[in-house]
Amino acid sequence: MTPMFLPQTTSDTGDLLGIGLLPNVTAKGQDRLRTLRDDAISKGAHVMLLVWPSREWVMLSIEPPEGVLVEDTEQLIPSVQANVTALELMLTNSRHGNHLFWMNLSRIASQH
């Protein structure tokens, strides 16, 4: 089951609860998500929301590998999609009420 990847600005553009995107988030919860998102961004992370068709969701903070310049968070989506284990863990955590996930990406050392 593949999630929908939404930009972190989604939490600024309206009532996530009212549009049914994040059905278990209150207005106070939205404010808390924005605060956590802003904190992650201030630490150098890129943030996006992942929403599965079943409406489970996570706010994902992604720390790119050191020395890698990421101009748009969407550039990181293929790396997240390739990590099936992490996606499964995020979905499982979401089902248990843990909607925050921090991912550190790293480069695979090339062998010569």
N, C-alpha and C. Protein backbone atom coordinates (compact mmCIF):
# COMPACT_ATOMS: atom_id res chain seq x y z
N MET A 1 0.85 -1.16 0.00
CA MET A 1 0.00 0.00 0.00
C MET A 1 0.90 1.23 0.00
N THR A 2 0.81 2.03 -1.04
CA THR A 2 1.67 3.19 -1.21
C THR A 2 0.99 4.43 -0.64
N PRO A 3 1.72 5.21 0.15
CA PRO A 3 1.11 6.43 0.68
C PRO A 3 1.14 7.57 -0.35
N MET A 4 0.33 8.56 -0.08
CA MET A 4 0.34 9.79 -0.83
C MET A 4 1.35 10.70 -0.13
N PHE A 5 2.23 11.34 -0.89
CA PHE A 5 3.24 12.24 -0.34
C PHE A 5 2.75 13.67 -0.50
N LEU A 6 2.60 14.38 0.61
CA LEU A 6 2.10 15.75 0.58
C LEU A 6 3.16 16.69 1.14
N PRO A 7 3.24 17.90 0.58
CA PRO A 7 4.23 18.84 1.09
C PRO A 7 3.90 19.27 2.52
N GLN A 8 4.95 19.68 3.25
CA GLN A 8 4.76 20.10 4.63
C GLN A 8 3.84 21.31 4.73
N THR A 9 3.70 22.08 3.67
CA THR A 9 2.83 23.25 3.70
C THR A 9 1.35 22.87 3.75
N THR A 10 1.04 21.61 3.54
CA THR A 10 -0.34 21.14 3.62
C THR A 10 -0.93 21.49 4.98
N SER A 11 -0.12 21.43 6.02
CA SER A 11 -0.63 21.73 7.35
C SER A 11 -0.92 23.21 7.55
N ASP A 12 -0.50 24.06 6.59
CA ASP A 12 -0.78 25.50 6.67
C ASP A 12 -1.97 25.92 5.83
N THR A 13 -2.42 25.07 4.94
CA THR A 13 -3.38 25.50 3.92
C THR A 13 -4.84 25.23 4.24
N GLY A 14 -5.14 24.84 5.44
CA GLY A 14 -6.55 24.63 5.75
C GLY A 14 -6.72 23.69 6.92
N ASP A 15 -7.93 23.37 7.16
CA ASP A 15 -8.30 22.52 8.28
C ASP A 15 -8.18 21.06 7.86
N LEU A 16 -7.09 20.42 8.26
CA LEU A 16 -6.87 19.02 7.88
C LEU A 16 -7.97 18.11 8.40
N LEU A 17 -8.50 18.44 9.55
CA LEU A 17 -9.60 17.66 10.10
C LEU A 17 -10.86 17.86 9.26
N GLY A 18 -11.17 19.12 8.93
CA GLY A 18 -12.38 19.44 8.19
C GLY A 18 -12.43 18.82 6.81
N ILE A 19 -11.28 18.69 6.15
CA ILE A 19 -11.28 18.10 4.82
C ILE A 19 -11.12 16.58 4.87
N GLY A 20 -11.02 16.04 6.08
CA GLY A 20 -10.95 14.60 6.24
C GLY A 20 -9.59 14.00 5.93
N LEU A 21 -8.58 14.85 5.75
CA LEU A 21 -7.26 14.33 5.41
C LEU A 21 -6.62 13.61 6.60
N LEU A 22 -6.66 14.22 7.74
CA LEU A 22 -6.13 13.60 8.95
C LEU A 22 -7.28 13.54 9.96
N PRO A 23 -8.07 12.49 9.90
CA PRO A 23 -9.34 12.45 10.63
C PRO A 23 -9.22 12.52 12.14
N ASN A 24 -8.09 12.21 12.71
CA ASN A 24 -7.99 12.21 14.17
C ASN A 24 -7.14 13.36 14.70
N VAL A 25 -7.06 14.46 13.93
CA VAL A 25 -6.28 15.62 14.35
C VAL A 25 -7.22 16.77 14.69
N THR A 26 -7.09 17.28 15.91
CA THR A 26 -7.88 18.43 16.34
C THR A 26 -7.17 19.71 15.90
N ALA A 27 -7.83 20.83 16.06
CA ALA A 27 -7.20 22.12 15.73
C ALA A 27 -5.95 22.32 16.58
N LYS A 28 -6.02 21.97 17.86
CA LYS A 28 -4.84 22.07 18.73
C LYS A 28 -3.74 21.13 18.24
N GLY A 29 -4.13 19.96 17.78
CA GLY A 29 -3.16 19.00 17.24
C GLY A 29 -2.48 19.54 16.00
N GLN A 30 -3.24 20.23 15.14
CA GLN A 30 -2.65 20.84 13.95
C GLN A 30 -1.60 21.88 14.34
N ASP A 31 -1.91 22.68 15.35
CA ASP A 31 -0.94 23.68 15.81
C ASP A 31 0.33 22.99 16.32
N ARG A 32 0.17 21.90 17.03
CA ARG A 32 1.31 21.15 17.56
C ARG A 32 2.13 20.55 16.41
N LEU A 33 1.46 20.03 15.39
CA LEU A 33 2.17 19.50 14.22
C LEU A 33 2.98 20.60 13.54
N ARG A 34 2.40 21.77 13.40
CA ARG A 34 3.14 22.89 12.79
C ARG A 34 4.38 23.24 13.60
N THR A 35 4.24 23.24 14.93
CA THR A 35 5.38 23.54 15.80
C THR A 35 6.47 22.49 15.63
N LEU A 36 6.08 21.22 15.62
CA LEU A 36 7.06 20.14 15.44
C LEU A 36 7.71 20.21 14.06
N ARG A 37 6.91 20.51 13.06
CA ARG A 37 7.43 20.65 11.70
C ARG A 37 8.46 21.78 11.63
N ASP A 38 8.11 22.92 12.20
CA ASP A 38 9.02 24.06 12.17
C ASP A 38 10.31 23.77 12.91
N ASP A 39 10.21 23.02 14.01
CA ASP A 39 11.40 22.63 14.77
C ASP A 39 12.29 21.71 13.94
N ALA A 40 11.69 20.74 13.25
CA ALA A 40 12.46 19.82 12.41
C ALA A 40 13.16 20.58 11.28
N ILE A 41 12.45 21.51 10.67
CA ILE A 41 13.03 22.29 9.57
C ILE A 41 14.19 23.13 10.09
N SER A 42 14.04 23.69 11.29
CA SER A 42 15.12 24.50 11.86
C SER A 42 16.37 23.67 12.14
N LYS A 43 16.19 22.36 12.27
CA LYS A 43 17.33 21.45 12.51
C LYS A 43 17.89 20.89 11.20
N GLY A 44 17.39 21.39 10.06
CA GLY A 44 17.91 20.99 8.77
C GLY A 44 17.18 19.85 8.09
N ALA A 45 16.07 19.43 8.66
CA ALA A 45 15.30 18.33 8.05
C ALA A 45 14.35 18.86 7.00
N HIS A 46 13.94 17.98 6.12
CA HIS A 46 12.89 18.25 5.15
C HIS A 46 11.67 17.48 5.64
N VAL A 47 10.51 18.08 5.54
CA VAL A 47 9.31 17.50 6.15
C VAL A 47 8.23 17.32 5.09
N MET A 48 7.53 16.20 5.20
CA MET A 48 6.36 15.95 4.36
C MET A 48 5.37 15.10 5.14
N LEU A 49 4.15 15.10 4.68
CA LEU A 49 3.11 14.24 5.26
C LEU A 49 2.91 13.05 4.34
N LEU A 50 2.80 11.88 4.93
CA LEU A 50 2.48 10.67 4.18
C LEU A 50 1.11 10.21 4.65
N VAL A 51 0.21 10.00 3.70
CA VAL A 51 -1.15 9.57 4.02
C VAL A 51 -1.46 8.34 3.18
N TRP A 52 -1.82 7.25 3.85
CA TRP A 52 -2.17 6.01 3.17
C TRP A 52 -3.65 6.03 2.82
N PRO A 53 -4.07 5.23 1.85
CA PRO A 53 -5.49 5.17 1.48
C PRO A 53 -6.40 4.85 2.67
N SER A 54 -5.88 4.15 3.66
CA SER A 54 -6.66 3.80 4.85
C SER A 54 -6.76 4.97 5.84
N ARG A 55 -6.16 6.11 5.49
CA ARG A 55 -6.13 7.35 6.28
C ARG A 55 -5.15 7.32 7.44
N GLU A 56 -4.33 6.27 7.55
CA GLU A 56 -3.21 6.35 8.48
C GLU A 56 -2.26 7.40 7.92
N TRP A 57 -1.54 8.09 8.79
CA TRP A 57 -0.66 9.15 8.32
C TRP A 57 0.53 9.32 9.26
N VAL A 58 1.57 9.90 8.72
CA VAL A 58 2.73 10.30 9.52
C VAL A 58 3.25 11.62 8.99
N MET A 59 3.84 12.38 9.89
CA MET A 59 4.62 13.54 9.49
C MET A 59 6.06 13.06 9.52
N LEU A 60 6.66 13.04 8.34
CA LEU A 60 8.00 12.50 8.17
C LEU A 60 9.02 13.63 8.06
N SER A 61 10.03 13.59 8.93
CA SER A 61 11.16 14.51 8.85
C SER A 61 12.33 13.73 8.29
N ILE A 62 12.92 14.25 7.23
CA ILE A 62 14.00 13.54 6.55
C ILE A 62 15.27 14.37 6.62
N GLU A 63 16.29 13.75 7.13
CA GLU A 63 17.61 14.39 7.17
C GLU A 63 18.44 13.80 6.04
N PRO A 64 18.76 14.62 5.02
CA PRO A 64 19.53 14.09 3.89
C PRO A 64 20.97 13.80 4.29
N PRO A 65 21.68 13.03 3.47
CA PRO A 65 23.08 12.74 3.78
C PRO A 65 23.90 14.02 3.85
N GLU A 66 24.90 14.00 4.69
CA GLU A 66 25.78 15.15 4.82
C GLU A 66 26.38 15.51 3.48
N GLY A 67 26.37 16.79 3.18
CA GLY A 67 26.96 17.27 1.93
C GLY A 67 26.04 17.18 0.72
N VAL A 68 24.83 16.68 0.90
CA VAL A 68 23.88 16.58 -0.22
C VAL A 68 22.92 17.77 -0.13
N LEU A 69 22.88 18.55 -1.19
CA LEU A 69 22.00 19.70 -1.26
C LEU A 69 20.66 19.26 -1.83
N VAL A 70 19.62 19.50 -1.06
CA VAL A 70 18.26 19.17 -1.50
C VAL A 70 17.50 20.48 -1.62
N GLU A 71 17.14 20.83 -2.84
CA GLU A 71 16.43 22.08 -3.08
C GLU A 71 14.93 21.94 -2.90
N ASP A 72 14.42 20.75 -3.15
CA ASP A 72 12.98 20.50 -3.04
C ASP A 72 12.78 19.15 -2.37
N THR A 73 11.96 19.13 -1.34
CA THR A 73 11.72 17.90 -0.59
C THR A 73 11.25 16.76 -1.48
N GLU A 74 10.57 17.09 -2.58
CA GLU A 74 10.09 16.05 -3.49
C GLU A 74 11.23 15.22 -4.06
N GLN A 75 12.44 15.77 -4.09
CA GLN A 75 13.61 15.01 -4.55
C GLN A 75 13.86 13.79 -3.68
N LEU A 76 13.38 13.81 -2.44
CA LEU A 76 13.63 12.72 -1.49
C LEU A 76 12.60 11.60 -1.58
N ILE A 77 11.51 11.84 -2.28
CA ILE A 77 10.44 10.84 -2.34
C ILE A 77 10.93 9.49 -2.88
N PRO A 78 11.71 9.43 -3.96
CA PRO A 78 12.17 8.11 -4.42
C PRO A 78 12.99 7.36 -3.37
N SER A 79 13.78 8.07 -2.59
CA SER A 79 14.56 7.41 -1.54
C SER A 79 13.65 6.85 -0.46
N VAL A 80 12.60 7.58 -0.13
CA VAL A 80 11.64 7.09 0.87
C VAL A 80 10.88 5.89 0.32
N GLN A 81 10.42 5.98 -0.92
CA GLN A 81 9.68 4.88 -1.53
C GLN A 81 10.53 3.61 -1.63
N ALA A 82 11.81 3.78 -1.83
CA ALA A 82 12.70 2.62 -1.95
C ALA A 82 12.92 1.91 -0.62
N ASN A 83 12.64 2.60 0.47
CA ASN A 83 12.84 2.01 1.79
C ASN A 83 11.52 1.40 2.29
N VAL A 84 11.19 0.26 1.72
CA VAL A 84 9.93 -0.42 2.02
C VAL A 84 9.81 -0.75 3.51
N THR A 85 10.90 -1.14 4.12
CA THR A 85 10.88 -1.48 5.55
C THR A 85 10.48 -0.26 6.38
N ALA A 86 11.04 0.90 6.06
CA ALA A 86 10.70 2.11 6.80
C ALA A 86 9.23 2.49 6.58
N LEU A 87 8.74 2.36 5.35
CA LEU A 87 7.34 2.66 5.07
C LEU A 87 6.41 1.75 5.87
N GLU A 88 6.76 0.47 5.95
CA GLU A 88 5.94 -0.47 6.72
C GLU A 88 5.97 -0.11 8.20
N LEU A 89 7.13 0.28 8.70
CA LEU A 89 7.25 0.68 10.10
C LEU A 89 6.43 1.95 10.37
N MET A 90 6.49 2.91 9.46
CA MET A 90 5.70 4.14 9.62
C MET A 90 4.21 3.83 9.68
N LEU A 91 3.76 2.95 8.79
CA LEU A 91 2.35 2.58 8.76
C LEU A 91 1.95 1.88 10.06
N THR A 92 2.76 0.96 10.50
CA THR A 92 2.48 0.25 11.76
C THR A 92 2.45 1.22 12.93
N ASN A 93 3.44 2.11 12.99
CA ASN A 93 3.48 3.10 14.07
C ASN A 93 2.24 3.98 14.05
N SER A 94 1.83 4.39 12.85
CA SER A 94 0.66 5.25 12.72
C SER A 94 -0.59 4.55 13.26
N ARG A 95 -0.70 3.28 12.97
CA ARG A 95 -1.86 2.51 13.45
C ARG A 95 -1.90 2.43 14.97
N HIS A 96 -0.74 2.64 15.59
CA HIS A 96 -0.65 2.62 17.06
C HIS A 96 -0.59 4.04 17.64
N GLY A 97 -0.91 5.05 16.83
CA GLY A 97 -1.00 6.41 17.32
C GLY A 97 0.29 7.21 17.28
N ASN A 98 1.37 6.64 16.74
CA ASN A 98 2.64 7.36 16.64
C ASN A 98 2.74 7.94 15.23
N HIS A 99 2.50 9.24 15.11
CA HIS A 99 2.40 9.87 13.80
C HIS A 99 3.63 10.69 13.41
N LEU A 100 4.69 10.57 14.16
CA LEU A 100 5.92 11.31 13.85
C LEU A 100 7.03 10.33 13.53
N PHE A 101 7.80 10.61 12.50
CA PHE A 101 8.88 9.70 12.10
C PHE A 101 10.04 10.54 11.59
N TRP A 102 11.24 10.22 12.07
CA TRP A 102 12.46 10.91 11.64
C TRP A 102 13.30 9.91 10.87
N MET A 103 13.71 10.28 9.66
CA MET A 103 14.51 9.39 8.83
C MET A 103 15.83 10.07 8.48
N ASN A 104 16.92 9.37 8.75
CA ASN A 104 18.25 9.85 8.35
C ASN A 104 18.67 9.07 7.12
N LEU A 105 18.86 9.79 6.02
CA LEU A 105 19.34 9.15 4.81
C LEU A 105 20.86 9.19 4.80
N SER A 106 21.46 8.17 4.26
CA SER A 106 22.91 8.16 4.15
C SER A 106 23.30 7.60 2.80
N ARG A 107 24.50 7.94 2.41
CA ARG A 107 25.02 7.42 1.14
C ARG A 107 25.61 6.05 1.40
N ILE A 108 25.45 5.18 0.43
CA ILE A 108 26.09 3.86 0.52
C ILE A 108 27.50 4.03 0.01
N ALA A 109 28.46 3.62 0.82
CA ALA A 109 29.85 3.76 0.43
C ALA A 109 30.14 2.86 -0.77
N SER A 110 30.74 3.43 -1.77
CA SER A 110 31.06 2.62 -2.95
C SER A 110 32.31 1.80 -2.66
N GLN A 111 32.29 0.60 -3.18
CA GLN A 111 33.44 -0.30 -2.98
C GLN A 111 34.24 -0.35 -4.27
N HIS A 112 35.53 -0.18 -4.14
CA HIS A 112 36.41 -0.21 -5.33
C HIS A 112 37.21 -1.46 -5.35
